[in-house]
């Protein structure tokens, strides 16, 4: 659910909305993005929401595209019967007094983008990023998406983070890498079978020569 974005023309609104778009949590996870709760320390709500961070999970592999992996850290979002009333009032106050520092509105919008379905919600609950005290997953999903309705947002704080995550998701090899890992390396036995299969596939053509045939027989004898 997109918020209303203050701009001078319809074309500008469409452009800004496209720039601030973010793929859902499960889609990002299938591309190899890891989710983690941000460290929680005592402080203001602004400092807490400012801890949305995208980082390289393996800094040493940053220069190797196929081995890159991103991690998205998000502050805890707790939902109960009072969440909608409290959040709407805080968001309205922020827009009136701090139109250029919309941390809360930006954070809510970010969560709206990440959660499209109940599956996205369950995933973030599992990662301890969301606490759902409402009971119904559908009700919680609707609540988060409805918070963005009729919100006039002058500046989206997390535009750069969204762009970085979207670029990572749109690289085909990231999704291929994650699918390969999930299907062929999901546990020790599956990984062992995959490695043995690759080993056999490589050695099969070589085994036609007499030298490699003897070597192959020696390997099999163990």
C-alpha atoms as a PDB file:
ATOM      1  CA  UNK A   1       0.000   0.000   0.000  1.00  0.00           C
ATOM      2  CA  UNK A   2       1.633   3.254  -1.162  1.00  0.00           C
ATOM      3  CA  UNK A   3       1.349   6.448   0.869  1.00  0.00           C
ATOM      4  CA  UNK A   4       0.376   9.735  -0.705  1.00  0.00           C
ATOM      5  CA  UNK A   5       3.636  11.457  -1.604  1.00  0.00           C
ATOM      6  CA  UNK A   6       3.751  15.238  -1.710  1.00  0.00           C
ATOM      7  CA  UNK A   7       4.971  16.412  -5.098  1.00  0.00           C
ATOM      8  CA  UNK A   8       4.192  18.916  -7.824  1.00  0.00           C
ATOM      9  CA  UNK A   9       2.908  16.584 -10.558  1.00  0.00           C
ATOM     10  CA  UNK A  10       1.457  13.133 -11.139  1.00  0.00           C
ATOM     11  CA  UNK A  11       4.592  12.096 -13.043  1.00  0.00           C
ATOM     12  CA  UNK A  12       6.749  13.066 -10.052  1.00  0.00           C
ATOM     13  CA  UNK A  13       4.501  11.077  -7.703  1.00  0.00           C
ATOM     14  CA  UNK A  14       4.761   7.968  -9.892  1.00  0.00           C
ATOM     15  CA  UNK A  15       8.537   8.343 -10.153  1.00  0.00           C
ATOM     16  CA  UNK A  16       9.010   8.757  -6.384  1.00  0.00           C
ATOM     17  CA  UNK A  17       6.663   5.849  -5.647  1.00  0.00           C
ATOM     18  CA  UNK A  18       8.689   3.643  -8.018  1.00  0.00           C
ATOM     19  CA  UNK A  19      11.950   4.721  -6.392  1.00  0.00           C
ATOM     20  CA  UNK A  20      10.601   3.887  -2.929  1.00  0.00           C
ATOM     21  CA  UNK A  21       9.176   0.510  -3.911  1.00  0.00           C
ATOM     22  CA  UNK A  22      10.582  -2.535  -2.123  1.00  0.00           C
ATOM     23  CA  UNK A  23      10.062  -6.224  -2.803  1.00  0.00           C
ATOM     24  CA  UNK A  24       8.303  -8.245  -0.111  1.00  0.00           C
ATOM     25  CA  UNK A  25      10.150 -10.010   2.696  1.00  0.00           C
ATOM     26  CA  UNK A  26       9.762 -13.525   1.276  1.00  0.00           C
ATOM     27  CA  UNK A  27      10.905 -12.438  -2.192  1.00  0.00           C
ATOM     28  CA  UNK A  28      14.015 -10.833  -0.721  1.00  0.00           C
ATOM     29  CA  UNK A  29      14.653 -13.922   1.398  1.00  0.00           C
ATOM     30  CA  UNK A  30      14.463 -16.142  -1.705  1.00  0.00           C
ATOM     31  CA  UNK A  31      17.128 -13.954  -3.312  1.00  0.00           C
ATOM     32  CA  UNK A  32      19.466 -14.495  -0.367  1.00  0.00           C
ATOM     33  CA  UNK A  33      18.735 -11.477   1.857  1.00  0.00           C
ATOM     34  CA  UNK A  34      19.014 -12.327   5.563  1.00  0.00           C
ATOM     35  CA  UNK A  35      16.737 -10.662   8.108  1.00  0.00           C
ATOM     36  CA  UNK A  36      17.736  -9.917  11.694  1.00  0.00           C
ATOM     37  CA  UNK A  37      16.323  -7.832  14.557  1.00  0.00           C
ATOM     38  CA  UNK A  38      18.265  -4.661  15.294  1.00  0.00           C
ATOM     39  CA  UNK A  39      19.999  -4.494  18.651  1.00  0.00           C
ATOM     40  CA  UNK A  40      17.660  -2.987  21.234  1.00  0.00           C
ATOM     41  CA  UNK A  41      18.982  -0.511  23.778  1.00  0.00           C
ATOM     42  CA  UNK A  42      17.245   2.016  25.932  1.00  0.00           C
ATOM     43  CA  UNK A  43      16.727   5.287  24.123  1.00  0.00           C
ATOM     44  CA  UNK A  44      14.250   7.326  22.140  1.00  0.00           C
ATOM     45  CA  UNK A  45      11.967   5.768  19.559  1.00  0.00           C
ATOM     46  CA  UNK A  46      13.681   7.882  16.897  1.00  0.00           C
ATOM     47  CA  UNK A  47      17.101   6.397  17.651  1.00  0.00           C
ATOM     48  CA  UNK A  48      15.597   2.927  17.564  1.00  0.00           C
ATOM     49  CA  UNK A  49      13.886   3.399  14.201  1.00  0.00           C
ATOM     50  CA  UNK A  50      17.079   4.881  12.825  1.00  0.00           C
ATOM     51  CA  UNK A  51      18.709   1.471  13.114  1.00  0.00           C
ATOM     52  CA  UNK A  52      17.273   0.129   9.858  1.00  0.00           C
ATOM     53  CA  UNK A  53      20.463  -1.029   8.193  1.00  0.00           C
ATOM     54  CA  UNK A  54      21.542  -2.997   5.130  1.00  0.00           C
ATOM     55  CA  UNK A  55      24.993  -4.516   5.396  1.00  0.00           C
ATOM     56  CA  UNK A  56      27.224  -7.032   3.668  1.00  0.00           C
ATOM     57  CA  UNK A  57      26.914 -10.360   5.456  1.00  0.00           C
ATOM     58  CA  UNK A  58      30.252 -11.527   4.069  1.00  0.00           C
ATOM     59  CA  UNK A  59      32.427  -8.397   3.625  1.00  0.00           C
ATOM     60  CA  UNK A  60      35.328 -10.401   2.185  1.00  0.00           C
ATOM     61  CA  UNK A  61      33.099 -11.605  -0.684  1.00  0.00           C
ATOM     62  CA  UNK A  62      31.842  -8.131  -1.565  1.00  0.00           C
ATOM     63  CA  UNK A  63      33.820  -8.047  -4.812  1.00  0.00           C
ATOM     64  CA  UNK A  64      32.541 -11.493  -5.915  1.00  0.00           C
ATOM     65  CA  UNK A  65      28.934 -10.981  -7.109  1.00  0.00           C
ATOM     66  CA  UNK A  66      27.874 -14.633  -6.919  1.00  0.00           C
ATOM     67  CA  UNK A  67      29.049 -14.949  -3.295  1.00  0.00           C
ATOM     68  CA  UNK A  68      27.617 -11.667  -2.011  1.00  0.00           C
ATOM     69  CA  UNK A  69      24.961 -11.740   0.671  1.00  0.00           C
ATOM     70  CA  UNK A  70      23.041  -8.872   2.292  1.00  0.00           C
ATOM     71  CA  UNK A  71      21.540  -8.597   5.756  1.00  0.00           C
ATOM     72  CA  UNK A  72      18.632  -6.306   6.631  1.00  0.00           C
ATOM     73  CA  UNK A  73      18.376  -5.305  10.284  1.00  0.00           C
ATOM     74  CA  UNK A  74      15.003  -3.972  11.458  1.00  0.00           C
ATOM     75  CA  UNK A  75      13.770  -2.685  14.821  1.00  0.00           C
ATOM     76  CA  UNK A  76      11.062  -4.697  16.575  1.00  0.00           C
ATOM     77  CA  UNK A  77       7.491  -3.892  15.512  1.00  0.00           C
ATOM     78  CA  UNK A  78       4.974  -4.930  18.181  1.00  0.00           C
ATOM     79  CA  UNK A  79       1.269  -5.156  17.295  1.00  0.00           C
ATOM     80  CA  UNK A  80      -1.597  -5.302  19.772  1.00  0.00           C
ATOM     81  CA  UNK A  81      -5.083  -3.837  20.140  1.00  0.00           C
ATOM     82  CA  UNK A  82      -3.700  -0.325  20.727  1.00  0.00           C
ATOM     83  CA  UNK A  83      -1.154  -0.272  17.909  1.00  0.00           C
ATOM     84  CA  UNK A  84      -3.303   1.352  15.236  1.00  0.00           C
ATOM     85  CA  UNK A  85      -4.517   4.208  17.456  1.00  0.00           C
ATOM     86  CA  UNK A  86      -1.067   4.939  18.894  1.00  0.00           C
ATOM     87  CA  UNK A  87       0.784   4.731  15.565  1.00  0.00           C
ATOM     88  CA  UNK A  88      -1.713   6.922  13.705  1.00  0.00           C
ATOM     89  CA  UNK A  89      -1.428   9.633  16.345  1.00  0.00           C
ATOM     90  CA  UNK A  90       2.363   9.498  16.389  1.00  0.00           C
ATOM     91  CA  UNK A  91       2.520   9.584  12.580  1.00  0.00           C
ATOM     92  CA  UNK A  92       0.161  12.594  12.460  1.00  0.00           C
ATOM     93  CA  UNK A  93       2.235  14.398  15.083  1.00  0.00           C
ATOM     94  CA  UNK A  94       5.440  13.683  13.204  1.00  0.00           C
ATOM     95  CA  UNK A  95       4.017  15.027   9.940  1.00  0.00           C
ATOM     96  CA  UNK A  96       2.867  18.232  11.620  1.00  0.00           C
ATOM     97  CA  UNK A  97       6.015  18.986  13.628  1.00  0.00           C
ATOM     98  CA  UNK A  98       8.848  17.138  11.835  1.00  0.00           C
ATOM     99  CA  UNK A  99       7.951  16.924   8.109  1.00  0.00           C
ATOM    100  CA  UNK A 100      11.595  16.524   7.082  1.00  0.00           C
ATOM    101  CA  UNK A 101      12.431  13.873   9.706  1.00  0.00           C
ATOM    102  CA  UNK A 102       9.739  11.289   9.092  1.00  0.00           C
ATOM    103  CA  UNK A 103      11.412   8.328  10.757  1.00  0.00           C
ATOM    104  CA  UNK A 104       8.200   6.740  12.012  1.00  0.00           C
ATOM    105  CA  UNK A 105       6.231   7.254   8.795  1.00  0.00           C
ATOM    106  CA  UNK A 106       9.179   5.922   6.793  1.00  0.00           C
ATOM    107  CA  UNK A 107       9.495   2.891   9.067  1.00  0.00           C
ATOM    108  CA  UNK A 108       5.775   2.091   8.789  1.00  0.00           C
ATOM    109  CA  UNK A 109       5.938   2.504   5.020  1.00  0.00           C
ATOM    110  CA  UNK A 110       8.946   0.180   4.904  1.00  0.00           C
ATOM    111  CA  UNK A 111       7.008  -2.482   6.827  1.00  0.00           C
ATOM    112  CA  UNK A 112       4.047  -2.023   4.469  1.00  0.00           C
ATOM    113  CA  UNK A 113       6.318  -2.741   1.522  1.00  0.00           C
ATOM    114  CA  UNK A 114       7.850  -5.818   3.159  1.00  0.00           C
ATOM    115  CA  UNK A 115       4.495  -7.342   4.124  1.00  0.00           C
ATOM    116  CA  UNK A 116       2.224  -8.201   1.201  1.00  0.00           C
ATOM    117  CA  UNK A 117       0.796 -11.475   2.475  1.00  0.00           C
ATOM    118  CA  UNK A 118       0.395 -13.511   5.654  1.00  0.00           C
ATOM    119  CA  UNK A 119       3.448 -15.502   4.582  1.00  0.00           C
ATOM    120  CA  UNK A 120       5.560 -12.344   4.787  1.00  0.00           C
ATOM    121  CA  UNK A 121       4.153 -11.610   8.238  1.00  0.00           C
ATOM    122  CA  UNK A 122       4.850 -15.134   9.521  1.00  0.00           C
ATOM    123  CA  UNK A 123       8.391 -14.930   8.203  1.00  0.00           C
ATOM    124  CA  UNK A 124       9.115 -11.663  10.050  1.00  0.00           C
ATOM    125  CA  UNK A 125       7.517 -13.052  13.224  1.00  0.00           C
ATOM    126  CA  UNK A 126       9.809 -16.067  12.939  1.00  0.00           C
ATOM    127  CA  UNK A 127      12.807 -13.718  12.601  1.00  0.00           C
ATOM    128  CA  UNK A 128      11.691 -11.874  15.775  1.00  0.00           C
ATOM    129  CA  UNK A 129      11.211  -8.604  13.905  1.00  0.00           C
ATOM    130  CA  UNK A 130       7.465  -8.532  14.548  1.00  0.00           C
ATOM    131  CA  UNK A 131       5.529  -9.428  17.678  1.00  0.00           C
ATOM    132  CA  UNK A 132       1.920 -10.223  16.810  1.00  0.00           C
ATOM    133  CA  UNK A 133      -0.466 -10.059  19.760  1.00  0.00           C
ATOM    134  CA  UNK A 134      -3.559  -9.707  17.601  1.00  0.00           C
ATOM    135  CA  UNK A 135      -3.949 -13.452  17.088  1.00  0.00           C
ATOM    136  CA  UNK A 136      -5.070 -13.320  13.452  1.00  0.00           C
ATOM    137  CA  UNK A 137      -2.303 -13.104  10.841  1.00  0.00           C
ATOM    138  CA  UNK A 138      -4.698 -11.647   8.287  1.00  0.00           C
ATOM    139  CA  UNK A 139      -5.825  -8.959  10.724  1.00  0.00           C
ATOM    140  CA  UNK A 140      -2.229  -8.042  11.512  1.00  0.00           C
ATOM    141  CA  UNK A 141      -1.323  -7.914   7.800  1.00  0.00           C
ATOM    142  CA  UNK A 142      -4.282  -5.654   7.045  1.00  0.00           C
ATOM    143  CA  UNK A 143      -3.423  -3.391   9.977  1.00  0.00           C
ATOM    144  CA  UNK A 144       0.124  -2.764   8.773  1.00  0.00           C
ATOM    145  CA  UNK A 145      -0.958  -2.038   5.186  1.00  0.00           C
ATOM    146  CA  UNK A 146      -3.817   0.231   6.267  1.00  0.00           C
ATOM    147  CA  UNK A 147      -1.473   2.404   8.335  1.00  0.00           C
ATOM    148  CA  UNK A 148      -0.035   3.810   5.096  1.00  0.00           C
ATOM    149  CA  UNK A 149      -3.361   4.962   3.701  1.00  0.00           C
ATOM    150  CA  UNK A 150      -3.752   8.731   3.229  1.00  0.00           C
ATOM    151  CA  UNK A 151      -0.261   9.446   4.540  1.00  0.00           C
ATOM    152  CA  UNK A 152       1.427  12.463   2.937  1.00  0.00           C
ATOM    153  CA  UNK A 153       5.147  11.747   3.041  1.00  0.00           C
ATOM    154  CA  UNK A 154       7.562  14.509   2.090  1.00  0.00           C
ATOM    155  CA  UNK A 155      10.758  12.488   2.458  1.00  0.00           C
ATOM    156  CA  UNK A 156      11.262   8.729   2.652  1.00  0.00           C
ATOM    157  CA  UNK A 157      14.225   8.101   4.964  1.00  0.00           C
ATOM    158  CA  UNK A 158      15.067   4.610   3.715  1.00  0.00           C
ATOM    159  CA  UNK A 159      15.084   5.170  -0.057  1.00  0.00           C
ATOM    160  CA  UNK A 160      18.777   4.229  -0.440  1.00  0.00           C
ATOM    161  CA  UNK A 161      18.303   0.992   1.515  1.00  0.00           C
ATOM    162  CA  UNK A 162      15.326   0.026  -0.671  1.00  0.00           C
ATOM    163  CA  UNK A 163      17.311   0.694  -3.832  1.00  0.00           C
ATOM    164  CA  UNK A 164      20.204  -1.463  -2.597  1.00  0.00           C
ATOM    165  CA  UNK A 165      17.875  -4.366  -1.722  1.00  0.00           C
ATOM    166  CA  UNK A 166      15.976  -4.120  -5.012  1.00  0.00           C
ATOM    167  CA  UNK A 167      19.182  -4.143  -7.044  1.00  0.00           C
ATOM    168  CA  UNK A 168      20.334  -7.228  -5.161  1.00  0.00           C
ATOM    169  CA  UNK A 169      17.004  -9.007  -5.745  1.00  0.00           C
ATOM    170  CA  UNK A 170      16.954  -8.225  -9.472  1.00  0.00           C
ATOM    171  CA  UNK A 171      20.285  -9.953 -10.093  1.00  0.00           C
ATOM    172  CA  UNK A 172      19.276 -13.378 -11.468  1.00  0.00           C
ATOM    173  CA  UNK A 173      22.272 -15.200 -10.023  1.00  0.00           C
ATOM    174  CA  UNK A 174      21.293 -14.294  -6.451  1.00  0.00           C
ATOM    175  CA  UNK A 175      17.964 -16.109  -6.799  1.00  0.00           C
ATOM    176  CA  UNK A 176      19.678 -19.012  -8.601  1.00  0.00           C
ATOM    177  CA  UNK A 177      22.278 -19.307  -5.815  1.00  0.00           C
ATOM    178  CA  UNK A 178      19.612 -19.390  -3.096  1.00  0.00           C
ATOM    179  CA  UNK A 179      17.502 -21.940  -4.982  1.00  0.00           C
ATOM    180  CA  UNK A 180      20.553 -24.151  -5.464  1.00  0.00           C
ATOM    181  CA  UNK A 181      21.367 -23.943  -1.767  1.00  0.00           C
ATOM    182  CA  UNK A 182      17.774 -24.635  -0.702  1.00  0.00           C
ATOM    183  CA  UNK A 183      17.265 -27.625  -3.024  1.00  0.00           C
ATOM    184  CA  UNK A 184      20.680 -29.306  -3.159  1.00  0.00           C
ATOM    185  CA  UNK A 185      22.402 -28.205   0.064  1.00  0.00           C
ATOM    186  CA  UNK A 186      19.544 -27.936   2.571  1.00  0.00           C
ATOM    187  CA  UNK A 187      21.088 -30.511   4.949  1.00  0.00           C
ATOM    188  CA  UNK A 188      24.163 -32.708   5.346  1.00  0.00           C
ATOM    189  CA  UNK A 189      22.751 -35.716   3.496  1.00  0.00           C
ATOM    190  CA  UNK A 190      21.453 -33.740   0.543  1.00  0.00           C
ATOM    191  CA  UNK A 191      24.732 -31.840   0.252  1.00  0.00           C
ATOM    192  CA  UNK A 192      26.733 -35.092   0.413  1.00  0.00           C
ATOM    193  CA  UNK A 193      24.609 -36.652  -2.331  1.00  0.00           C
ATOM    194  CA  UNK A 194      25.022 -33.552  -4.497  1.00  0.00           C
ATOM    195  CA  UNK A 195      28.807 -33.519  -4.066  1.00  0.00           C
ATOM    196  CA  UNK A 196      29.089 -37.246  -4.830  1.00  0.00           C
ATOM    197  CA  UNK A 197      26.882 -36.787  -7.922  1.00  0.00           C
ATOM    198  CA  UNK A 198      29.090 -33.955  -9.190  1.00  0.00           C
ATOM    199  CA  UNK A 199      32.203 -36.017  -8.451  1.00  0.00           C
ATOM    200  CA  UNK A 200      30.856 -38.982 -10.420  1.00  0.00           C
ATOM    201  CA  UNK A 201      29.766 -36.749 -13.286  1.00  0.00           C
ATOM    202  CA  UNK A 202      33.247 -35.258 -13.591  1.00  0.00           C
ATOM    203  CA  UNK A 203      35.116 -38.569 -13.308  1.00  0.00           C
ATOM    204  CA  UNK A 204      32.890 -40.561 -15.638  1.00  0.00           C
ATOM    205  CA  UNK A 205      34.423 -39.227 -18.889  1.00  0.00           C
ATOM    206  CA  UNK A 206      37.918 -39.497 -17.417  1.00  0.00           C
ATOM    207  CA  UNK A 207      37.381 -43.111 -16.445  1.00  0.00           C
ATOM    208  CA  UNK A 208      37.488 -44.133 -20.106  1.00  0.00           C
ATOM    209  CA  UNK A 209      41.277 -43.822 -20.155  1.00  0.00           C
ATOM    210  CA  UNK A 210      43.251 -46.683 -18.643  1.00  0.00           C
ATOM    211  CA  UNK A 211      45.037 -44.484 -16.110  1.00  0.00           C
ATOM    212  CA  UNK A 212      41.882 -42.898 -14.746  1.00  0.00           C
ATOM    213  CA  UNK A 213      40.086 -46.254 -14.835  1.00  0.00           C
ATOM    214  CA  UNK A 214      42.680 -47.673 -12.451  1.00  0.00           C
ATOM    215  CA  UNK A 215      42.525 -44.558 -10.296  1.00  0.00           C
ATOM    216  CA  UNK A 216      38.716 -44.803 -10.203  1.00  0.00           C
ATOM    217  CA  UNK A 217      38.879 -48.444  -9.123  1.00  0.00           C
ATOM    218  CA  UNK A 218      41.292 -47.528  -6.330  1.00  0.00           C
ATOM    219  CA  UNK A 219      38.934 -44.780  -5.114  1.00  0.00           C
ATOM    220  CA  UNK A 220      35.947 -47.123  -5.160  1.00  0.00           C
ATOM    221  CA  UNK A 221      37.878 -49.752  -3.203  1.00  0.00           C
ATOM    222  CA  UNK A 222      37.863 -47.418  -0.194  1.00  0.00           C
END
